[in-house]
Amino acid sequence: MTDTELRVSKIENGTVIDHITGGQALNVLAIIGIDGSSGEEVSIGMNVPSDRLGRKDIVKVEGRELSENEVDVLSLIAPAATINIVRDFEVVEKHRVTRPKTVVGVLSCPNANCISTEDEPIKSRFDVLDDGVRCTYCETIIRDSIASHISAA
């Protein structure tokens, strides 16, 4: 396969998440809530050659543009990712993810005694660290498997 050949076909409308750390594409799908049950049209390239990363993953989601919260959490596991919004087969927006200082209402705290896991009228809140996230309320730190702590809400 030459560099000019497409490995995955173009999408008409939706989001292309490029420059994902190699091996993280399935976690990206978990973050954006895609598990195959809703019939979304998704294309995934895993561990494809990349000049910038050596190896990278790429995810293309037809008919969906990501929310700011989804992009914030995505930045935690794919800090070099670029988000391309596609309309009528053309990229109309392109930007790199930036790591937020805090993530609110997206992750759930693994500490069963945390106030954010009770029936309190508060949203979860995590401070973003260099190597993970820390619950603002109970200070529990999540370093691995951030995608498995995505809130159902």
C-alpha atoms as a PDB file:
ATOM      1  CA  MET A   1       0.000   0.000   0.000  1.00  0.00           C
ATOM      2  CA  THR A   2       1.408   3.390  -0.970  1.00  0.00           C
ATOM      3  CA  ASP A   3       1.097   6.530   1.124  1.00  0.00           C
ATOM      4  CA  THR A   4      -1.420   7.967  -1.344  1.00  0.00           C
ATOM      5  CA  GLU A   5      -3.932   5.146  -0.857  1.00  0.00           C
ATOM      6  CA  LEU A   6      -6.709   5.553   1.696  1.00  0.00           C
ATOM      7  CA  ARG A   7      -6.780   2.898   4.396  1.00  0.00           C
ATOM      8  CA  VAL A   8     -10.275   3.950   5.499  1.00  0.00           C
ATOM      9  CA  SER A   9     -12.847   5.607   3.244  1.00  0.00           C
ATOM     10  CA  LYS A  10     -13.857   9.257   3.559  1.00  0.00           C
ATOM     11  CA  ILE A  11     -16.987  10.184   5.497  1.00  0.00           C
ATOM     12  CA  GLU A  12     -19.670  12.547   4.247  1.00  0.00           C
ATOM     13  CA  ASN A  13     -20.595  14.219   7.553  1.00  0.00           C
ATOM     14  CA  GLY A  14     -19.241  13.630  11.052  1.00  0.00           C
ATOM     15  CA  THR A  15     -16.024  13.594  13.036  1.00  0.00           C
ATOM     16  CA  VAL A  16     -12.568  12.233  12.346  1.00  0.00           C
ATOM     17  CA  ILE A  17     -10.389  11.792  15.420  1.00  0.00           C
ATOM     18  CA  ASP A  18      -6.811  11.489  14.218  1.00  0.00           C
ATOM     19  CA  HIS A  19      -3.426  11.104  15.937  1.00  0.00           C
ATOM     20  CA  ILE A  20      -4.810   8.947  18.751  1.00  0.00           C
ATOM     21  CA  THR A  21      -2.106   7.184  20.749  1.00  0.00           C
ATOM     22  CA  GLY A  22      -1.636   3.724  19.229  1.00  0.00           C
ATOM     23  CA  GLY A  23      -3.929   1.125  20.796  1.00  0.00           C
ATOM     24  CA  GLN A  24      -6.373   3.659  22.296  1.00  0.00           C
ATOM     25  CA  ALA A  25      -9.103   3.671  19.602  1.00  0.00           C
ATOM     26  CA  LEU A  26     -11.435   1.382  21.548  1.00  0.00           C
ATOM     27  CA  ASN A  27     -11.087   3.594  24.629  1.00  0.00           C
ATOM     28  CA  VAL A  28     -11.941   6.600  22.456  1.00  0.00           C
ATOM     29  CA  LEU A  29     -15.129   4.825  21.369  1.00  0.00           C
ATOM     30  CA  ALA A  30     -15.977   4.161  25.030  1.00  0.00           C
ATOM     31  CA  ILE A  31     -15.460   7.830  25.872  1.00  0.00           C
ATOM     32  CA  ILE A  32     -17.827   8.977  23.146  1.00  0.00           C
ATOM     33  CA  GLY A  33     -20.362   6.308  24.088  1.00  0.00           C
ATOM     34  CA  ILE A  34     -20.169   4.133  21.003  1.00  0.00           C
ATOM     35  CA  ASP A  35     -20.522   0.418  21.664  1.00  0.00           C
ATOM     36  CA  GLY A  36     -22.160  -0.694  18.418  1.00  0.00           C
ATOM     37  CA  SER A  37     -25.661  -0.922  19.869  1.00  0.00           C
ATOM     38  CA  SER A  38     -27.002   2.275  18.298  1.00  0.00           C
ATOM     39  CA  GLY A  39     -25.961   1.520  14.740  1.00  0.00           C
ATOM     40  CA  GLU A  40     -23.447   4.339  14.296  1.00  0.00           C
ATOM     41  CA  GLU A  41     -21.263   3.994  11.221  1.00  0.00           C
ATOM     42  CA  VAL A  42     -17.684   3.913  12.528  1.00  0.00           C
ATOM     43  CA  SER A  43     -14.347   3.283  10.828  1.00  0.00           C
ATOM     44  CA  ILE A  44     -11.247   2.500  12.896  1.00  0.00           C
ATOM     45  CA  GLY A  45      -7.606   2.291  11.924  1.00  0.00           C
ATOM     46  CA  MET A  46      -5.324   0.933  14.643  1.00  0.00           C
ATOM     47  CA  ASN A  47      -1.544   1.107  14.812  1.00  0.00           C
ATOM     48  CA  VAL A  48      -1.181   2.713  11.398  1.00  0.00           C
ATOM     49  CA  PRO A  49       2.114   4.454  10.541  1.00  0.00           C
ATOM     50  CA  SER A  50       2.425   8.076  11.664  1.00  0.00           C
ATOM     51  CA  ASP A  51       5.287  10.525  11.098  1.00  0.00           C
ATOM     52  CA  ARG A  52       4.370  12.360  14.312  1.00  0.00           C
ATOM     53  CA  LEU A  53       3.646   9.424  16.649  1.00  0.00           C
ATOM     54  CA  GLY A  54       5.353   6.434  15.038  1.00  0.00           C
ATOM     55  CA  ARG A  55       2.079   4.483  15.277  1.00  0.00           C
ATOM     56  CA  LYS A  56      -1.378   5.965  15.708  1.00  0.00           C
ATOM     57  CA  ASP A  57      -5.059   5.097  15.740  1.00  0.00           C
ATOM     58  CA  ILE A  58      -7.773   6.946  13.833  1.00  0.00           C
ATOM     59  CA  VAL A  59     -11.544   6.905  14.387  1.00  0.00           C
ATOM     60  CA  LYS A  60     -14.145   8.173  11.920  1.00  0.00           C
ATOM     61  CA  VAL A  61     -17.740   8.586  13.081  1.00  0.00           C
ATOM     62  CA  GLU A  62     -20.368   9.281  10.423  1.00  0.00           C
ATOM     63  CA  GLY A  63     -23.200  11.682  11.346  1.00  0.00           C
ATOM     64  CA  ARG A  64     -21.886  12.835  14.724  1.00  0.00           C
ATOM     65  CA  GLU A  65     -19.943  15.830  16.010  1.00  0.00           C
ATOM     66  CA  LEU A  66     -18.331  15.548  19.438  1.00  0.00           C
ATOM     67  CA  SER A  67     -19.360  17.641  22.439  1.00  0.00           C
ATOM     68  CA  GLU A  68     -16.858  19.771  24.342  1.00  0.00           C
ATOM     69  CA  ASN A  69     -17.070  17.376  27.325  1.00  0.00           C
ATOM     70  CA  GLU A  70     -16.279  14.399  25.098  1.00  0.00           C
ATOM     71  CA  VAL A  71     -13.265  16.210  23.638  1.00  0.00           C
ATOM     72  CA  ASP A  72     -12.065  17.169  27.150  1.00  0.00           C
ATOM     73  CA  VAL A  73     -12.087  13.544  28.334  1.00  0.00           C
ATOM     74  CA  LEU A  74     -10.646  12.368  25.038  1.00  0.00           C
ATOM     75  CA  SER A  75      -7.665  14.655  25.653  1.00  0.00           C
ATOM     76  CA  LEU A  76      -6.826  12.662  28.784  1.00  0.00           C
ATOM     77  CA  ILE A  77      -6.055   9.459  26.846  1.00  0.00           C
ATOM     78  CA  ALA A  78      -5.128  10.974  23.472  1.00  0.00           C
ATOM     79  CA  PRO A  79      -3.281  14.240  24.180  1.00  0.00           C
ATOM     80  CA  ALA A  80      -1.935  14.525  20.619  1.00  0.00           C
ATOM     81  CA  ALA A  81      -5.324  13.946  18.931  1.00  0.00           C
ATOM     82  CA  THR A  82      -6.766  16.217  16.290  1.00  0.00           C
ATOM     83  CA  ILE A  83     -10.508  16.612  15.780  1.00  0.00           C
ATOM     84  CA  ASN A  84     -11.730  17.141  12.223  1.00  0.00           C
ATOM     85  CA  ILE A  85     -15.350  18.082  11.601  1.00  0.00           C
ATOM     86  CA  VAL A  86     -16.445  16.925   8.152  1.00  0.00           C
ATOM     87  CA  ARG A  87     -19.417  18.238   6.166  1.00  0.00           C
ATOM     88  CA  ASP A  88     -20.126  17.221   2.566  1.00  0.00           C
ATOM     89  CA  PHE A  89     -16.840  15.236   2.456  1.00  0.00           C
ATOM     90  CA  GLU A  90     -14.795  18.375   3.326  1.00  0.00           C
ATOM     91  CA  VAL A  91     -12.998  19.201   6.576  1.00  0.00           C
ATOM     92  CA  VAL A  92     -14.668  22.406   7.803  1.00  0.00           C
ATOM     93  CA  GLU A  93     -13.020  22.563  11.256  1.00  0.00           C
ATOM     94  CA  LYS A  94      -9.757  21.138  12.503  1.00  0.00           C
ATOM     95  CA  HIS A  95      -8.252  21.541  15.936  1.00  0.00           C
ATOM     96  CA  ARG A  96      -5.993  19.757  18.392  1.00  0.00           C
ATOM     97  CA  VAL A  97      -7.362  18.678  21.727  1.00  0.00           C
ATOM     98  CA  THR A  98      -6.238  20.626  24.776  1.00  0.00           C
ATOM     99  CA  ARG A  99      -6.194  19.219  28.271  1.00  0.00           C
ATOM    100  CA  PRO A 100      -8.637  21.044  30.540  1.00  0.00           C
ATOM    101  CA  LYS A 101      -7.790  21.908  34.154  1.00  0.00           C
ATOM    102  CA  THR A 102     -10.969  20.146  35.361  1.00  0.00           C
ATOM    103  CA  VAL A 103     -13.519  17.695  33.970  1.00  0.00           C
ATOM    104  CA  VAL A 104     -17.079  18.033  35.327  1.00  0.00           C
ATOM    105  CA  GLY A 105     -19.924  15.526  35.110  1.00  0.00           C
ATOM    106  CA  VAL A 106     -18.200  13.141  32.706  1.00  0.00           C
ATOM    107  CA  LEU A 107     -16.270  10.696  34.902  1.00  0.00           C
ATOM    108  CA  SER A 108     -17.500   8.766  37.927  1.00  0.00           C
ATOM    109  CA  CYS A 109     -15.368   8.419  41.049  1.00  0.00           C
ATOM    110  CA  PRO A 110     -14.347   4.826  41.860  1.00  0.00           C
ATOM    111  CA  ASN A 111     -14.493   5.590  45.615  1.00  0.00           C
ATOM    112  CA  ALA A 112     -17.861   4.236  46.810  1.00  0.00           C
ATOM    113  CA  ASN A 113     -17.708   6.603  49.824  1.00  0.00           C
ATOM    114  CA  CYS A 114     -17.251   9.746  47.709  1.00  0.00           C
ATOM    115  CA  ILE A 115     -20.051  12.291  47.981  1.00  0.00           C
ATOM    116  CA  SER A 116     -20.254  12.377  44.162  1.00  0.00           C
ATOM    117  CA  THR A 117     -21.309   8.692  44.098  1.00  0.00           C
ATOM    118  CA  GLU A 118     -24.196   9.215  46.548  1.00  0.00           C
ATOM    119  CA  ASP A 119     -27.638  10.593  45.766  1.00  0.00           C
ATOM    120  CA  GLU A 120     -26.422  14.153  46.236  1.00  0.00           C
ATOM    121  CA  PRO A 121     -27.353  16.862  43.700  1.00  0.00           C
ATOM    122  CA  ILE A 122     -23.751  17.404  42.586  1.00  0.00           C
ATOM    123  CA  LYS A 123     -21.816  16.534  39.477  1.00  0.00           C
ATOM    124  CA  SER A 124     -18.546  14.667  39.618  1.00  0.00           C
ATOM    125  CA  ARG A 125     -15.522  16.930  39.322  1.00  0.00           C
ATOM    126  CA  PHE A 126     -11.945  15.877  38.612  1.00  0.00           C
ATOM    127  CA  ASP A 127      -8.762  17.939  38.510  1.00  0.00           C
ATOM    128  CA  VAL A 128      -6.547  16.972  35.583  1.00  0.00           C
ATOM    129  CA  LEU A 129      -3.036  15.867  36.548  1.00  0.00           C
ATOM    130  CA  ASP A 130      -0.041  15.171  34.308  1.00  0.00           C
ATOM    131  CA  ASP A 131      -0.579  11.420  34.684  1.00  0.00           C
ATOM    132  CA  GLY A 132      -4.307  11.069  35.453  1.00  0.00           C
ATOM    133  CA  VAL A 133      -7.187  12.787  37.227  1.00  0.00           C
ATOM    134  CA  ARG A 134      -8.001  13.458  40.907  1.00  0.00           C
ATOM    135  CA  CYS A 135     -11.513  13.659  42.374  1.00  0.00           C
ATOM    136  CA  THR A 136     -12.014  17.169  43.736  1.00  0.00           C
ATOM    137  CA  TYR A 137     -14.197  15.877  46.592  1.00  0.00           C
ATOM    138  CA  CYS A 138     -12.342  12.832  47.976  1.00  0.00           C
ATOM    139  CA  GLU A 139      -8.952  13.173  46.207  1.00  0.00           C
ATOM    140  CA  THR A 140      -9.063   9.653  44.736  1.00  0.00           C
ATOM    141  CA  ILE A 141      -6.648   9.490  41.795  1.00  0.00           C
ATOM    142  CA  ILE A 142      -7.350   7.598  38.567  1.00  0.00           C
ATOM    143  CA  ARG A 143      -4.238   6.935  36.487  1.00  0.00           C
ATOM    144  CA  ASP A 144      -5.238   3.961  34.359  1.00  0.00           C
ATOM    145  CA  SER A 145      -8.420   2.954  32.536  1.00  0.00           C
ATOM    146  CA  ILE A 146      -9.898   6.452  32.559  1.00  0.00           C
ATOM    147  CA  ALA A 147     -12.346   5.340  29.860  1.00  0.00           C
ATOM    148  CA  SER A 148     -13.868   2.781  32.258  1.00  0.00           C
ATOM    149  CA  HIS A 149     -14.931   5.618  34.583  1.00  0.00           C
ATOM    150  CA  ILE A 150     -17.126   7.435  32.056  1.00  0.00           C
ATOM    151  CA  SER A 151     -20.423   8.415  33.705  1.00  0.00           C
ATOM    152  CA  ALA A 152     -23.602   6.908  32.331  1.00  0.00           C
ATOM    153  CA  ALA A 153     -25.381  10.222  32.911  1.00  0.00           C
END
